[in-house]
Amino acid sequence: MVFCSAAMAHKVNLFAYAEGGKIFTESYFPDGRPVEGGKVLVFDGHNTKLLEGKTDDKGLFSFSIPKVDDLNIVIEASMGHKNNYKLKKAEVEAGK
């Protein structure tokens, strides 16, 4: 018998890093499946939306660094799965 909490049922993992002037993201479910076609939203440190895009079939999405600032990256996947990743300004600066 398998039990799953409501919080775990709607969990999605998101990882991001800056390198070579770009931000790279990877989104996946707890079972390891990639988030395909997930909506990625990027906000600056003042919660202003900078851009949005979609993950590919491997759960990946990358974009040019839009602004050297704290970035809040949000993934919205199917069935209410949602998470965010905060990339600090220093990390963004280092990835320029």
N, C-alpha and C. Protein backbone atom coordinates (compact mmCIF):
# COMPACT_ATOMS: atom_id res chain seq x y z
N MET A 1 0.84 -1.16 0.00
CA MET A 1 0.00 0.00 0.00
C MET A 1 0.90 1.24 0.00
N VAL A 2 0.55 2.23 -0.82
CA VAL A 2 1.32 3.46 -0.92
C VAL A 2 0.47 4.63 -0.45
N PHE A 3 1.03 5.45 0.41
CA PHE A 3 0.36 6.65 0.88
C PHE A 3 1.10 7.86 0.35
N CYS A 4 0.35 8.89 -0.01
CA CYS A 4 0.96 10.09 -0.55
C CYS A 4 0.22 11.29 0.03
N SER A 5 0.94 12.20 0.64
CA SER A 5 0.29 13.38 1.20
C SER A 5 -0.11 14.32 0.08
N ALA A 6 -1.06 15.20 0.36
CA ALA A 6 -1.51 16.18 -0.63
C ALA A 6 -0.34 17.06 -1.06
N ALA A 7 0.52 17.42 -0.13
CA ALA A 7 1.67 18.26 -0.47
C ALA A 7 2.60 17.52 -1.43
N MET A 8 2.84 16.25 -1.18
CA MET A 8 3.72 15.48 -2.04
C MET A 8 3.09 15.24 -3.41
N ALA A 9 1.77 15.12 -3.44
CA ALA A 9 1.08 14.86 -4.70
C ALA A 9 1.24 16.03 -5.68
N HIS A 10 1.45 17.22 -5.16
CA HIS A 10 1.56 18.40 -6.02
C HIS A 10 2.98 18.97 -6.03
N LYS A 11 3.95 18.14 -5.73
CA LYS A 11 5.34 18.60 -5.69
C LYS A 11 5.97 18.46 -7.07
N VAL A 12 6.79 19.44 -7.38
CA VAL A 12 7.61 19.39 -8.58
C VAL A 12 8.95 20.02 -8.18
N ASN A 13 10.02 19.49 -8.72
CA ASN A 13 11.36 19.98 -8.38
C ASN A 13 11.86 20.92 -9.47
N LEU A 14 12.58 21.95 -9.05
CA LEU A 14 13.14 22.93 -9.97
C LEU A 14 14.54 23.28 -9.52
N PHE A 15 15.47 23.27 -10.45
CA PHE A 15 16.85 23.66 -10.17
C PHE A 15 17.27 24.65 -11.26
N ALA A 16 18.05 25.67 -10.88
CA ALA A 16 18.51 26.66 -11.85
C ALA A 16 19.92 27.10 -11.52
N TYR A 17 20.66 27.48 -12.56
CA TYR A 17 22.00 28.03 -12.37
C TYR A 17 22.34 28.95 -13.55
N ALA A 18 23.30 29.84 -13.33
CA ALA A 18 23.75 30.79 -14.35
C ALA A 18 25.14 30.40 -14.84
N GLU A 19 25.31 30.44 -16.16
CA GLU A 19 26.61 30.12 -16.75
C GLU A 19 26.67 30.66 -18.18
N GLY A 20 27.78 31.29 -18.52
CA GLY A 20 27.98 31.75 -19.90
C GLY A 20 26.95 32.74 -20.40
N GLY A 21 26.43 33.58 -19.51
CA GLY A 21 25.45 34.59 -19.91
C GLY A 21 24.02 34.09 -20.01
N LYS A 22 23.80 32.85 -19.59
CA LYS A 22 22.46 32.26 -19.65
C LYS A 22 22.06 31.69 -18.30
N ILE A 23 20.76 31.52 -18.12
CA ILE A 23 20.20 30.80 -16.97
C ILE A 23 19.68 29.47 -17.51
N PHE A 24 20.05 28.40 -16.85
CA PHE A 24 19.60 27.05 -17.22
C PHE A 24 18.70 26.53 -16.11
N THR A 25 17.56 25.96 -16.49
CA THR A 25 16.65 25.37 -15.51
C THR A 25 16.36 23.92 -15.86
N GLU A 26 16.08 23.15 -14.82
CA GLU A 26 15.68 21.75 -14.98
C GLU A 26 14.52 21.51 -14.04
N SER A 27 13.42 20.97 -14.57
CA SER A 27 12.22 20.71 -13.77
C SER A 27 11.83 19.24 -13.91
N TYR A 28 11.53 18.62 -12.78
CA TYR A 28 11.17 17.20 -12.81
C TYR A 28 10.28 16.86 -11.62
N PHE A 29 9.53 15.78 -11.77
CA PHE A 29 8.65 15.29 -10.71
C PHE A 29 9.45 14.41 -9.75
N PRO A 30 8.92 14.17 -8.54
CA PRO A 30 9.64 13.35 -7.55
C PRO A 30 10.05 11.97 -8.07
N ASP A 31 9.29 11.42 -9.02
CA ASP A 31 9.63 10.09 -9.54
C ASP A 31 10.71 10.17 -10.64
N GLY A 32 11.21 11.38 -10.92
CA GLY A 32 12.28 11.55 -11.89
C GLY A 32 11.82 11.92 -13.29
N ARG A 33 10.51 11.84 -13.55
CA ARG A 33 10.01 12.21 -14.88
C ARG A 33 10.20 13.70 -15.11
N PRO A 34 10.61 14.11 -16.31
CA PRO A 34 10.76 15.54 -16.60
C PRO A 34 9.41 16.23 -16.73
N VAL A 35 9.38 17.50 -16.42
CA VAL A 35 8.18 18.31 -16.63
C VAL A 35 8.20 18.76 -18.09
N GLU A 36 7.35 18.17 -18.90
CA GLU A 36 7.29 18.50 -20.33
C GLU A 36 6.26 19.60 -20.54
N GLY A 37 6.64 20.68 -21.21
CA GLY A 37 5.70 21.75 -21.52
C GLY A 37 5.27 22.56 -20.31
N GLY A 38 6.06 22.53 -19.25
CA GLY A 38 5.73 23.32 -18.06
C GLY A 38 5.99 24.80 -18.31
N LYS A 39 5.17 25.64 -17.72
CA LYS A 39 5.34 27.09 -17.86
C LYS A 39 6.38 27.57 -16.87
N VAL A 40 7.40 28.28 -17.37
CA VAL A 40 8.45 28.85 -16.53
C VAL A 40 8.27 30.37 -16.54
N LEU A 41 8.16 30.95 -15.34
CA LEU A 41 8.01 32.40 -15.19
C LEU A 41 9.24 32.91 -14.45
N VAL A 42 9.76 34.05 -14.86
CA VAL A 42 10.95 34.62 -14.24
C VAL A 42 10.63 36.03 -13.75
N PHE A 43 10.88 36.26 -12.45
CA PHE A 43 10.61 37.55 -11.82
C PHE A 43 11.90 38.10 -11.25
N ASP A 44 12.02 39.43 -11.21
CA ASP A 44 13.19 40.05 -10.58
C ASP A 44 12.96 40.18 -9.08
N GLY A 45 13.90 40.82 -8.39
CA GLY A 45 13.83 40.97 -6.95
C GLY A 45 12.69 41.83 -6.46
N HIS A 46 12.04 42.57 -7.38
CA HIS A 46 10.89 43.41 -7.02
C HIS A 46 9.59 42.78 -7.48
N ASN A 47 9.63 41.50 -7.84
CA ASN A 47 8.48 40.72 -8.29
C ASN A 47 7.90 41.21 -9.62
N THR A 48 8.73 41.83 -10.45
CA THR A 48 8.32 42.22 -11.79
C THR A 48 8.62 41.06 -12.73
N LYS A 49 7.60 40.64 -13.49
CA LYS A 49 7.81 39.54 -14.42
C LYS A 49 8.72 39.99 -15.56
N LEU A 50 9.79 39.23 -15.78
CA LEU A 50 10.76 39.54 -16.82
C LEU A 50 10.53 38.74 -18.09
N LEU A 51 10.12 37.48 -17.93
CA LEU A 51 9.89 36.64 -19.11
C LEU A 51 9.18 35.37 -18.70
N GLU A 52 8.72 34.65 -19.71
CA GLU A 52 8.16 33.31 -19.49
C GLU A 52 8.47 32.44 -20.69
N GLY A 53 8.42 31.14 -20.46
CA GLY A 53 8.69 30.19 -21.52
C GLY A 53 8.18 28.82 -21.12
N LYS A 54 8.53 27.81 -21.91
CA LYS A 54 8.07 26.43 -21.67
C LYS A 54 9.26 25.48 -21.62
N THR A 55 9.16 24.48 -20.76
CA THR A 55 10.18 23.44 -20.71
C THR A 55 10.06 22.53 -21.93
N ASP A 56 11.18 21.93 -22.31
CA ASP A 56 11.18 20.99 -23.43
C ASP A 56 10.82 19.59 -22.93
N ASP A 57 10.96 18.59 -23.79
CA ASP A 57 10.58 17.22 -23.42
C ASP A 57 11.50 16.60 -22.37
N LYS A 58 12.61 17.26 -22.07
CA LYS A 58 13.52 16.79 -21.02
C LYS A 58 13.37 17.62 -19.75
N GLY A 59 12.39 18.53 -19.72
CA GLY A 59 12.17 19.38 -18.55
C GLY A 59 13.14 20.54 -18.45
N LEU A 60 13.80 20.87 -19.56
CA LEU A 60 14.81 21.92 -19.57
C LEU A 60 14.28 23.20 -20.21
N PHE A 61 14.75 24.33 -19.71
CA PHE A 61 14.46 25.64 -20.29
C PHE A 61 15.64 26.54 -19.98
N SER A 62 16.12 27.27 -20.98
CA SER A 62 17.23 28.20 -20.74
C SER A 62 16.92 29.51 -21.43
N PHE A 63 17.57 30.57 -20.94
CA PHE A 63 17.33 31.91 -21.48
C PHE A 63 18.52 32.80 -21.14
N SER A 64 18.71 33.85 -21.93
CA SER A 64 19.76 34.82 -21.65
C SER A 64 19.44 35.54 -20.35
N ILE A 65 20.48 35.88 -19.59
CA ILE A 65 20.27 36.59 -18.33
C ILE A 65 19.55 37.90 -18.64
N PRO A 66 18.33 38.08 -18.11
CA PRO A 66 17.56 39.27 -18.45
C PRO A 66 17.97 40.51 -17.66
N LYS A 67 18.54 40.28 -16.47
CA LYS A 67 18.85 41.37 -15.55
C LYS A 67 19.73 40.81 -14.45
N VAL A 68 20.76 41.56 -14.04
CA VAL A 68 21.58 41.12 -12.92
C VAL A 68 20.87 41.59 -11.65
N ASP A 69 20.16 40.66 -11.03
CA ASP A 69 19.33 40.92 -9.86
C ASP A 69 19.02 39.57 -9.23
N ASP A 70 18.40 39.59 -8.05
CA ASP A 70 17.84 38.35 -7.52
C ASP A 70 16.76 37.93 -8.50
N LEU A 71 16.72 36.65 -8.84
CA LEU A 71 15.69 36.14 -9.75
C LEU A 71 14.87 35.07 -9.04
N ASN A 72 13.56 35.16 -9.17
CA ASN A 72 12.66 34.13 -8.67
C ASN A 72 12.11 33.41 -9.89
N ILE A 73 12.47 32.15 -10.03
CA ILE A 73 12.06 31.35 -11.18
C ILE A 73 10.97 30.39 -10.72
N VAL A 74 9.83 30.40 -11.41
CA VAL A 74 8.67 29.61 -11.03
C VAL A 74 8.37 28.60 -12.12
N ILE A 75 8.08 27.36 -11.73
CA ILE A 75 7.62 26.35 -12.67
C ILE A 75 6.17 26.03 -12.35
N GLU A 76 5.32 26.04 -13.36
CA GLU A 76 3.93 25.62 -13.24
C GLU A 76 3.75 24.42 -14.16
N ALA A 77 3.54 23.27 -13.55
CA ALA A 77 3.37 22.04 -14.32
C ALA A 77 1.90 21.64 -14.32
N SER A 78 1.59 20.50 -14.86
CA SER A 78 0.21 20.03 -14.95
C SER A 78 -0.39 19.74 -13.58
N MET A 79 -1.69 19.78 -13.51
CA MET A 79 -2.47 19.38 -12.33
C MET A 79 -2.07 20.11 -11.05
N GLY A 80 -1.75 21.39 -11.16
CA GLY A 80 -1.47 22.20 -9.98
C GLY A 80 -0.08 22.07 -9.40
N HIS A 81 0.80 21.33 -10.05
CA HIS A 81 2.18 21.21 -9.58
C HIS A 81 2.88 22.55 -9.80
N LYS A 82 3.52 23.07 -8.75
CA LYS A 82 4.16 24.38 -8.83
C LYS A 82 5.30 24.45 -7.82
N ASN A 83 6.37 25.14 -8.20
CA ASN A 83 7.49 25.35 -7.28
C ASN A 83 8.26 26.57 -7.76
N ASN A 84 9.19 27.05 -6.92
CA ASN A 84 10.02 28.17 -7.34
C ASN A 84 11.46 27.95 -6.88
N TYR A 85 12.36 28.67 -7.53
CA TYR A 85 13.78 28.60 -7.21
C TYR A 85 14.31 30.02 -7.19
N LYS A 86 14.95 30.39 -6.11
CA LYS A 86 15.51 31.74 -5.99
C LYS A 86 17.00 31.70 -6.34
N LEU A 87 17.35 32.46 -7.35
CA LEU A 87 18.74 32.58 -7.78
C LEU A 87 19.23 33.95 -7.31
N LYS A 88 20.21 33.95 -6.44
CA LYS A 88 20.73 35.19 -5.85
C LYS A 88 21.46 36.04 -6.89
N LYS A 89 21.43 37.35 -6.67
CA LYS A 89 22.08 38.30 -7.57
C LYS A 89 23.55 37.93 -7.79
N ALA A 90 24.24 37.54 -6.73
CA ALA A 90 25.66 37.17 -6.85
C ALA A 90 25.85 35.97 -7.78
N GLU A 91 24.92 35.01 -7.75
CA GLU A 91 25.00 33.85 -8.63
C GLU A 91 24.77 34.26 -10.09
N VAL A 92 23.81 35.17 -10.29
CA VAL A 92 23.53 35.67 -11.63
C VAL A 92 24.74 36.42 -12.17
N GLU A 93 25.31 37.29 -11.33
CA GLU A 93 26.50 38.07 -11.71
C GLU A 93 27.66 37.15 -12.09
N ALA A 94 27.86 36.10 -11.30
CA ALA A 94 28.95 35.15 -11.55
C ALA A 94 28.76 34.39 -12.86
N GLY A 95 27.51 34.25 -13.30
CA GLY A 95 27.22 33.52 -14.52
C GLY A 95 27.22 34.35 -15.79
N LYS A 96 27.53 35.64 -15.66
CA LYS A 96 27.53 36.53 -16.84
C LYS A 96 28.58 36.16 -17.87
